[in-house]
Amino acid sequence: MIIGRDEADRLIAMLADRFPGVFVADIRSPHHRPLAHGIAWELVERGVLSVDEASAVYRHYIKGRFWYAKSLVAGRPRINLNVQPDGFVTAADEAAVRPLIKAIELRAAKRAEQARAASKPTASRAAYRASGSIWAQGSRNEAAGYI
């Protein structure tokens, strides 16, 4: 069974309620902490998630969150479900997420550029305003200062 983003987000919110020091529900929160290796399977063993749910949470939380990826700094402790240190982030872990971070940053920059381009007046709008049309100039009342 394939679990979509909305269901994965619901599961992550449930995990954040149940394990508040471990999981963060808000995708934009910079307070993510590196999770211990095998934490998804520990959730399955405890009966908290099914295998499909654990896979979806892993995919959306660990592989798809910018702030989680940014939290993977070499030497930083990983935490288990009891909010206790359980290993450390290695240099290889940090190197593995660099392409993901770069891709997310490039995607965000592209979206920002598209938003800026959409907000700029196009040549056709500028030409229409310069055409002298009464609709482009506004109403006479507006021009006279009555509005």
N, C-alpha and C. Protein backbone atom coordinates (compact mmCIF):
# COMPACT_ATOMS: atom_id res chain seq x y z
N MET A 1 0.84 -1.17 0.00
CA MET A 1 0.00 0.00 0.00
C MET A 1 0.89 1.24 0.00
N ILE A 2 0.59 2.18 -0.90
CA ILE A 2 1.36 3.42 -0.98
C ILE A 2 0.66 4.48 -0.15
N ILE A 3 1.44 5.13 0.69
CA ILE A 3 0.91 6.18 1.56
C ILE A 3 1.38 7.52 1.02
N GLY A 4 0.43 8.43 0.79
CA GLY A 4 0.74 9.74 0.23
C GLY A 4 1.24 10.74 1.25
N ARG A 5 1.55 11.93 0.75
CA ARG A 5 2.12 12.98 1.60
C ARG A 5 1.17 13.39 2.72
N ASP A 6 -0.12 13.53 2.44
CA ASP A 6 -1.07 13.97 3.47
C ASP A 6 -1.14 12.96 4.62
N GLU A 7 -1.20 11.70 4.27
CA GLU A 7 -1.26 10.65 5.29
C GLU A 7 0.07 10.59 6.06
N ALA A 8 1.18 10.74 5.36
CA ALA A 8 2.49 10.75 6.02
C ALA A 8 2.59 11.93 6.98
N ASP A 9 2.10 13.08 6.56
CA ASP A 9 2.11 14.26 7.44
C ASP A 9 1.25 14.03 8.68
N ARG A 10 0.11 13.34 8.50
CA ARG A 10 -0.75 13.01 9.64
C ARG A 10 -0.02 12.07 10.60
N LEU A 11 0.68 11.09 10.05
CA LEU A 11 1.44 10.15 10.89
C LEU A 11 2.57 10.86 11.62
N ILE A 12 3.25 11.78 10.93
CA ILE A 12 4.34 12.53 11.56
C ILE A 12 3.79 13.40 12.68
N ALA A 13 2.63 14.01 12.48
CA ALA A 13 2.00 14.82 13.54
C ALA A 13 1.66 13.94 14.75
N MET A 14 1.18 12.72 14.49
CA MET A 14 0.87 11.78 15.57
C MET A 14 2.15 11.41 16.32
N LEU A 15 3.24 11.17 15.58
CA LEU A 15 4.51 10.84 16.22
C LEU A 15 5.05 12.02 17.02
N ALA A 16 4.87 13.23 16.50
CA ALA A 16 5.33 14.43 17.23
C ALA A 16 4.57 14.60 18.54
N ASP A 17 3.28 14.23 18.55
CA ASP A 17 2.50 14.28 19.79
C ASP A 17 2.96 13.20 20.78
N ARG A 18 3.24 12.02 20.24
CA ARG A 18 3.60 10.89 21.09
C ARG A 18 5.06 10.94 21.55
N PHE A 19 5.93 11.45 20.69
CA PHE A 19 7.36 11.55 20.99
C PHE A 19 7.82 13.00 20.73
N PRO A 20 7.41 13.96 21.59
CA PRO A 20 7.64 15.37 21.30
C PRO A 20 9.11 15.79 21.25
N GLY A 21 9.99 15.13 21.92
CA GLY A 21 11.40 15.49 21.87
C GLY A 21 12.14 14.89 20.69
N VAL A 22 11.43 14.05 19.94
CA VAL A 22 12.07 13.32 18.85
C VAL A 22 11.62 13.83 17.49
N PHE A 23 10.30 13.88 17.27
CA PHE A 23 9.75 14.28 15.98
C PHE A 23 9.20 15.70 16.04
N VAL A 24 9.26 16.38 14.91
CA VAL A 24 8.74 17.74 14.76
C VAL A 24 7.70 17.71 13.66
N ALA A 25 6.47 18.15 13.99
CA ALA A 25 5.39 18.10 13.00
C ALA A 25 5.51 19.20 11.95
N ASP A 26 5.97 20.37 12.35
CA ASP A 26 6.04 21.51 11.43
C ASP A 26 7.24 21.36 10.51
N ILE A 27 6.96 21.22 9.23
CA ILE A 27 8.01 21.01 8.24
C ILE A 27 8.96 22.20 8.14
N ARG A 28 8.49 23.39 8.52
CA ARG A 28 9.31 24.61 8.42
C ARG A 28 10.12 24.90 9.69
N SER A 29 9.96 24.07 10.69
CA SER A 29 10.66 24.29 11.96
C SER A 29 12.14 23.92 11.84
N PRO A 30 13.03 24.80 12.29
CA PRO A 30 14.45 24.46 12.25
C PRO A 30 14.90 23.60 13.43
N HIS A 31 13.97 23.08 14.22
CA HIS A 31 14.31 22.35 15.44
C HIS A 31 14.36 20.84 15.26
N HIS A 32 14.61 20.38 14.05
CA HIS A 32 14.75 18.95 13.81
C HIS A 32 16.08 18.46 14.41
N ARG A 33 16.06 17.21 14.88
CA ARG A 33 17.26 16.61 15.44
C ARG A 33 17.53 15.31 14.70
N PRO A 34 18.80 14.96 14.52
CA PRO A 34 19.11 13.70 13.83
C PRO A 34 18.55 12.51 14.61
N LEU A 35 17.91 11.62 13.90
CA LEU A 35 17.31 10.44 14.52
C LEU A 35 18.27 9.26 14.47
N ALA A 36 18.16 8.39 15.45
CA ALA A 36 19.01 7.20 15.51
C ALA A 36 18.72 6.30 14.32
N HIS A 37 19.75 5.60 13.88
CA HIS A 37 19.56 4.63 12.79
C HIS A 37 18.59 3.55 13.25
N GLY A 38 17.67 3.16 12.40
CA GLY A 38 16.72 2.10 12.71
C GLY A 38 15.52 2.54 13.51
N ILE A 39 15.33 3.83 13.67
CA ILE A 39 14.22 4.32 14.49
C ILE A 39 12.86 3.96 13.87
N ALA A 40 12.79 3.95 12.54
CA ALA A 40 11.52 3.60 11.89
C ALA A 40 11.14 2.15 12.21
N TRP A 41 12.13 1.26 12.21
CA TRP A 41 11.83 -0.14 12.50
C TRP A 41 11.53 -0.36 13.98
N GLU A 42 12.09 0.48 14.82
CA GLU A 42 11.75 0.42 16.25
C GLU A 42 10.28 0.80 16.44
N LEU A 43 9.80 1.76 15.67
CA LEU A 43 8.38 2.14 15.73
C LEU A 43 7.49 0.99 15.29
N VAL A 44 7.95 0.20 14.31
CA VAL A 44 7.19 -0.98 13.86
C VAL A 44 7.20 -2.05 14.96
N GLU A 45 8.37 -2.29 15.56
CA GLU A 45 8.48 -3.30 16.61
C GLU A 45 7.62 -2.96 17.82
N ARG A 46 7.49 -1.67 18.14
CA ARG A 46 6.65 -1.25 19.26
C ARG A 46 5.17 -1.24 18.90
N GLY A 47 4.83 -1.46 17.65
CA GLY A 47 3.44 -1.47 17.24
C GLY A 47 2.85 -0.09 17.01
N VAL A 48 3.69 0.92 16.92
CA VAL A 48 3.22 2.29 16.71
C VAL A 48 2.83 2.49 15.25
N LEU A 49 3.62 1.93 14.33
CA LEU A 49 3.39 2.07 12.89
C LEU A 49 3.45 0.71 12.22
N SER A 50 2.77 0.61 11.08
CA SER A 50 2.92 -0.58 10.24
C SER A 50 4.19 -0.39 9.40
N VAL A 51 4.59 -1.42 8.69
CA VAL A 51 5.78 -1.33 7.84
C VAL A 51 5.57 -0.26 6.77
N ASP A 52 4.39 -0.24 6.13
CA ASP A 52 4.11 0.76 5.09
C ASP A 52 4.12 2.17 5.67
N GLU A 53 3.56 2.33 6.86
CA GLU A 53 3.54 3.65 7.49
C GLU A 53 4.96 4.09 7.86
N ALA A 54 5.77 3.15 8.38
CA ALA A 54 7.16 3.48 8.73
C ALA A 54 7.95 3.89 7.49
N SER A 55 7.72 3.21 6.38
CA SER A 55 8.39 3.57 5.13
C SER A 55 7.98 4.96 4.66
N ALA A 56 6.69 5.28 4.77
CA ALA A 56 6.20 6.61 4.35
C ALA A 56 6.77 7.69 5.25
N VAL A 57 6.80 7.44 6.56
CA VAL A 57 7.36 8.42 7.49
C VAL A 57 8.84 8.63 7.19
N TYR A 58 9.55 7.54 6.96
CA TYR A 58 10.97 7.65 6.63
C TYR A 58 11.17 8.49 5.37
N ARG A 59 10.39 8.19 4.35
CA ARG A 59 10.52 8.88 3.06
C ARG A 59 10.21 10.37 3.20
N HIS A 60 9.16 10.71 3.92
CA HIS A 60 8.74 12.10 4.00
C HIS A 60 9.47 12.89 5.09
N TYR A 61 9.83 12.25 6.16
CA TYR A 61 10.48 12.97 7.27
C TYR A 61 11.99 13.08 7.06
N ILE A 62 12.61 11.96 6.78
CA ILE A 62 14.06 11.93 6.70
C ILE A 62 14.57 12.34 5.33
N LYS A 63 13.91 11.91 4.28
CA LYS A 63 14.39 12.21 2.93
C LYS A 63 13.80 13.49 2.35
N GLY A 64 12.72 14.02 2.93
CA GLY A 64 12.04 15.13 2.29
C GLY A 64 11.97 16.43 3.06
N ARG A 65 12.66 16.51 4.17
CA ARG A 65 12.58 17.74 4.97
C ARG A 65 13.91 18.46 4.97
N PHE A 66 13.89 19.70 4.53
CA PHE A 66 15.08 20.52 4.45
C PHE A 66 15.75 20.66 5.81
N TRP A 67 14.97 21.00 6.84
CA TRP A 67 15.57 21.24 8.15
C TRP A 67 16.11 19.97 8.78
N TYR A 68 15.49 18.83 8.46
CA TYR A 68 16.07 17.58 8.96
C TYR A 68 17.42 17.36 8.29
N ALA A 69 17.48 17.55 6.98
CA ALA A 69 18.74 17.38 6.26
C ALA A 69 19.80 18.33 6.79
N LYS A 70 19.41 19.58 7.09
CA LYS A 70 20.36 20.56 7.62
C LYS A 70 20.84 20.18 9.03
N SER A 71 20.05 19.37 9.76
CA SER A 71 20.46 18.98 11.11
C SER A 71 21.54 17.91 11.10
N LEU A 72 21.77 17.30 9.95
CA LEU A 72 22.78 16.23 9.87
C LEU A 72 24.17 16.84 9.68
N VAL A 73 24.77 17.19 10.80
CA VAL A 73 26.11 17.78 10.84
C VAL A 73 27.02 16.77 11.52
N ALA A 74 28.15 16.49 10.91
CA ALA A 74 29.08 15.48 11.44
C ALA A 74 29.41 15.77 12.91
N GLY A 75 29.31 14.73 13.73
CA GLY A 75 29.62 14.84 15.16
C GLY A 75 28.41 15.13 16.03
N ARG A 76 27.30 15.53 15.42
CA ARG A 76 26.10 15.82 16.21
C ARG A 76 25.46 14.50 16.66
N PRO A 77 24.98 14.44 17.92
CA PRO A 77 24.40 13.17 18.39
C PRO A 77 23.05 12.88 17.74
N ARG A 78 22.82 11.61 17.49
CA ARG A 78 21.51 11.13 17.03
C ARG A 78 20.71 10.76 18.27
N ILE A 79 19.37 10.88 18.18
CA ILE A 79 18.56 10.56 19.35
C ILE A 79 17.62 9.39 19.06
N ASN A 80 17.33 8.63 20.10
CA ASN A 80 16.39 7.51 19.96
C ASN A 80 15.01 7.95 20.45
N LEU A 81 14.08 7.02 20.53
CA LEU A 81 12.71 7.35 20.93
C LEU A 81 12.60 7.81 22.38
N ASN A 82 13.62 7.53 23.18
CA ASN A 82 13.63 7.97 24.58
C ASN A 82 14.35 9.31 24.74
N VAL A 83 14.64 9.97 23.63
CA VAL A 83 15.34 11.26 23.58
C VAL A 83 16.73 11.14 24.23
N GLN A 84 17.36 10.00 24.04
CA GLN A 84 18.71 9.76 24.54
C GLN A 84 19.66 9.66 23.36
N PRO A 85 20.91 10.10 23.54
CA PRO A 85 21.89 9.97 22.44
C PRO A 85 22.07 8.51 22.04
N ASP A 86 22.12 8.29 20.74
CA ASP A 86 22.27 6.92 20.21
C ASP A 86 23.10 7.01 18.94
N GLY A 87 24.38 7.19 19.10
CA GLY A 87 25.28 7.32 17.96
C GLY A 87 25.44 8.78 17.55
N PHE A 88 26.24 8.97 16.52
CA PHE A 88 26.54 10.31 16.05
C PHE A 88 26.41 10.37 14.53
N VAL A 89 26.19 11.56 14.03
CA VAL A 89 26.16 11.78 12.58
C VAL A 89 27.59 11.69 12.08
N THR A 90 27.81 10.93 11.04
CA THR A 90 29.15 10.79 10.48
C THR A 90 29.36 11.79 9.35
N ALA A 91 30.59 11.95 8.96
CA ALA A 91 30.91 12.82 7.82
C ALA A 91 30.25 12.28 6.55
N ALA A 92 30.16 10.95 6.44
CA ALA A 92 29.50 10.34 5.27
C ALA A 92 28.00 10.67 5.26
N ASP A 93 27.37 10.68 6.44
CA ASP A 93 25.95 11.05 6.53
C ASP A 93 25.75 12.48 6.06
N GLU A 94 26.62 13.36 6.54
CA GLU A 94 26.52 14.77 6.17
C GLU A 94 26.74 14.94 4.66
N ALA A 95 27.73 14.26 4.12
CA ALA A 95 28.01 14.35 2.68
C ALA A 95 26.86 13.80 1.85
N ALA A 96 26.19 12.78 2.37
CA ALA A 96 25.08 12.16 1.62
C ALA A 96 23.89 13.09 1.46
N VAL A 97 23.68 14.01 2.41
CA VAL A 97 22.52 14.91 2.31
C VAL A 97 22.83 16.23 1.60
N ARG A 98 24.09 16.51 1.33
CA ARG A 98 24.43 17.76 0.64
C ARG A 98 23.70 17.92 -0.69
N PRO A 99 23.63 16.87 -1.55
CA PRO A 99 22.89 17.04 -2.81
C PRO A 99 21.40 17.34 -2.58
N LEU A 100 20.81 16.73 -1.55
CA LEU A 100 19.41 17.00 -1.23
C LEU A 100 19.22 18.45 -0.81
N ILE A 101 20.09 18.94 0.05
CA ILE A 101 20.01 20.33 0.50
C ILE A 101 20.16 21.27 -0.68
N LYS A 102 21.14 21.00 -1.54
CA LYS A 102 21.38 21.85 -2.70
C LYS A 102 20.16 21.84 -3.63
N ALA A 103 19.56 20.66 -3.85
CA ALA A 103 18.39 20.57 -4.72
C ALA A 103 17.21 21.35 -4.15
N ILE A 104 16.99 21.25 -2.85
CA ILE A 104 15.90 21.99 -2.21
C ILE A 104 16.15 23.49 -2.30
N GLU A 105 17.38 23.92 -2.06
CA GLU A 105 17.70 25.35 -2.15
C GLU A 105 17.53 25.87 -3.57
N LEU A 106 17.94 25.08 -4.58
CA LEU A 106 17.77 25.49 -5.98
C LEU A 106 16.30 25.58 -6.34
N ARG A 107 15.51 24.62 -5.87
CA ARG A 107 14.07 24.63 -6.13
C ARG A 107 13.42 25.85 -5.50
N ALA A 108 13.82 26.21 -4.29
CA ALA A 108 13.28 27.39 -3.61
C ALA A 108 13.68 28.67 -4.34
N ALA A 109 14.91 28.73 -4.81
CA ALA A 109 15.37 29.91 -5.56
C ALA A 109 14.60 30.04 -6.87
N LYS A 110 14.34 28.92 -7.52
CA LYS A 110 13.59 28.94 -8.79
C LYS A 110 12.15 29.43 -8.54
N ARG A 111 11.53 28.93 -7.46
CA ARG A 111 10.17 29.40 -7.13
C ARG A 111 10.15 30.89 -6.84
N ALA A 112 11.15 31.38 -6.11
CA ALA A 112 11.22 32.81 -5.79
C ALA A 112 11.39 33.64 -7.05
N GLU A 113 12.22 33.16 -7.97
CA GLU A 113 12.42 33.88 -9.24
C GLU A 113 11.13 33.89 -10.05
N GLN A 114 10.41 32.77 -10.08
CA GLN A 114 9.13 32.72 -10.80
C GLN A 114 8.12 33.67 -10.19
N ALA A 115 8.11 33.77 -8.87
CA ALA A 115 7.18 34.69 -8.19
C ALA A 115 7.54 36.14 -8.51
N ARG A 116 8.84 36.45 -8.54
CA ARG A 116 9.26 37.81 -8.89
C ARG A 116 8.88 38.13 -10.33
N ALA A 117 9.09 37.17 -11.23
CA ALA A 117 8.77 37.39 -12.64
C ALA A 117 7.27 37.57 -12.84
N ALA A 118 6.46 36.84 -12.08
CA ALA A 118 5.01 36.95 -12.20
C ALA A 118 4.50 38.29 -11.68
N SER A 119 5.21 38.88 -10.73
CA SER A 119 4.75 40.14 -10.16
C SER A 119 5.18 41.35 -10.98
N LYS A 120 6.15 41.18 -11.88
CA LYS A 120 6.59 42.29 -12.73
C LYS A 120 5.56 42.52 -13.83
N PRO A 121 5.30 43.79 -14.17
CA PRO A 121 4.39 44.04 -15.28
C PRO A 121 5.01 43.54 -16.58
N THR A 122 4.19 42.92 -17.38
CA THR A 122 4.68 42.42 -18.66
C THR A 122 4.72 43.56 -19.66
N ALA A 123 5.38 43.32 -20.77
CA ALA A 123 5.48 44.35 -21.81
C ALA A 123 4.10 44.71 -22.34
N SER A 124 3.21 43.73 -22.45
CA SER A 124 1.88 44.02 -22.97
C SER A 124 1.08 44.88 -21.99
N ARG A 125 1.25 44.68 -20.69
CA ARG A 125 0.57 45.54 -19.71
C ARG A 125 1.11 46.96 -19.78
N ALA A 126 2.43 47.08 -19.88
CA ALA A 126 3.03 48.41 -19.96
C ALA A 126 2.59 49.11 -21.24
N ALA A 127 2.52 48.39 -22.36
CA ALA A 127 2.08 48.98 -23.62
C ALA A 127 0.62 49.41 -23.52
N TYR A 128 -0.21 48.62 -22.85
CA TYR A 128 -1.62 48.95 -22.69
C TYR A 128 -1.77 50.24 -21.88
N ARG A 129 -1.01 50.35 -20.80
CA ARG A 129 -1.08 51.55 -19.97
C ARG A 129 -0.62 52.79 -20.74
N ALA A 130 0.39 52.60 -21.58
CA ALA A 130 0.92 53.72 -22.35
C ALA A 130 0.05 54.07 -23.55
N SER A 131 -0.92 53.23 -23.87
CA SER A 131 -1.73 53.44 -25.07
C SER A 131 -2.68 54.62 -24.97
N GLY A 132 -2.93 55.07 -23.76
CA GLY A 132 -3.83 56.21 -23.60
C GLY A 132 -5.28 55.80 -23.45
N SER A 133 -5.58 54.53 -23.37
CA SER A 133 -6.95 54.08 -23.20
C SER A 133 -7.51 54.61 -21.88
N ILE A 134 -8.76 55.00 -21.90
CA ILE A 134 -9.36 55.53 -20.67
C ILE A 134 -9.43 54.45 -19.59
N TRP A 135 -9.55 53.20 -20.00
CA TRP A 135 -9.59 52.11 -19.03
C TRP A 135 -8.23 51.91 -18.38
N ALA A 136 -7.17 52.16 -19.12
CA ALA A 136 -5.83 52.01 -18.58
C ALA A 136 -5.48 53.17 -17.67
N GLN A 137 -6.09 54.35 -17.92
CA GLN A 137 -5.77 55.54 -17.15
C GLN A 137 -6.59 55.67 -15.88
N GLY A 138 -7.65 54.93 -15.74
CA GLY A 138 -8.51 55.06 -14.58
C GLY A 138 -9.66 56.00 -14.91
N SER A 139 -10.55 56.20 -13.98
CA SER A 139 -11.72 57.03 -14.23
C SER A 139 -11.39 58.51 -14.13
N ARG A 140 -12.26 59.32 -14.72
CA ARG A 140 -12.07 60.78 -14.65
C ARG A 140 -12.19 61.26 -13.20
N ASN A 141 -13.10 60.66 -12.44
CA ASN A 141 -13.25 61.03 -11.04
C ASN A 141 -11.96 60.76 -10.26
N GLU A 142 -11.34 59.63 -10.59
CA GLU A 142 -10.08 59.29 -9.93
C GLU A 142 -9.00 60.30 -10.32
N ALA A 143 -8.96 60.65 -11.60
CA ALA A 143 -7.96 61.61 -12.08
C ALA A 143 -8.19 62.99 -11.47
N ALA A 144 -9.44 63.34 -11.23
CA ALA A 144 -9.75 64.66 -10.67
C ALA A 144 -9.54 64.68 -9.15
N GLY A 145 -9.28 63.53 -8.56
CA GLY A 145 -9.04 63.50 -7.13
C GLY A 145 -10.29 63.33 -6.30
N TYR A 146 -11.43 63.00 -6.94
CA TYR A 146 -12.67 62.81 -6.19
C TYR A 146 -12.70 61.46 -5.48
N ILE A 147 -11.88 60.56 -5.90
CA ILE A 147 -11.88 59.22 -5.30
C ILE A 147 -10.65 59.02 -4.48
